[in-house]
Amino acid sequence: MRQFKLITILLFMFLNGISNSQTDCESGHWIKSKSKDGSIIILEDKSVWQVESVDTIDSKLWLRLDEIIVCDYKLINVDNDTTVEAKQIKSRRYY
């Protein structure tokens, strides 16, 4: 099922003119934690993202461990097929 969702998202991106030359996407992320209202998302790599207020209606429904693709200023939830605009406010840390 996840593979189908990933293929669907990639097809959507292709049909909307998004290619690797235009955007930098990273798959393999998941939600480590989030604020109750969905305004802040923390990924497994410890990067912190502030979600645009109009999109928190979607991100507040996201669950811990949902698979995320990061594309520039978008977080794409592969598990529930929603996308939000977000700004990275804290970089990831590698130990």
Foldseek 3Di string as FASTA:
>chain_A
DLVVLVVVVVVVCVVVPHDCVNKPKDWDKWFQDADQQQQWTAIPLRWIKGFDPVCSVPRNPDDGGFTWMDIPQWTAGSVPGDITGIDTPGDGDDD
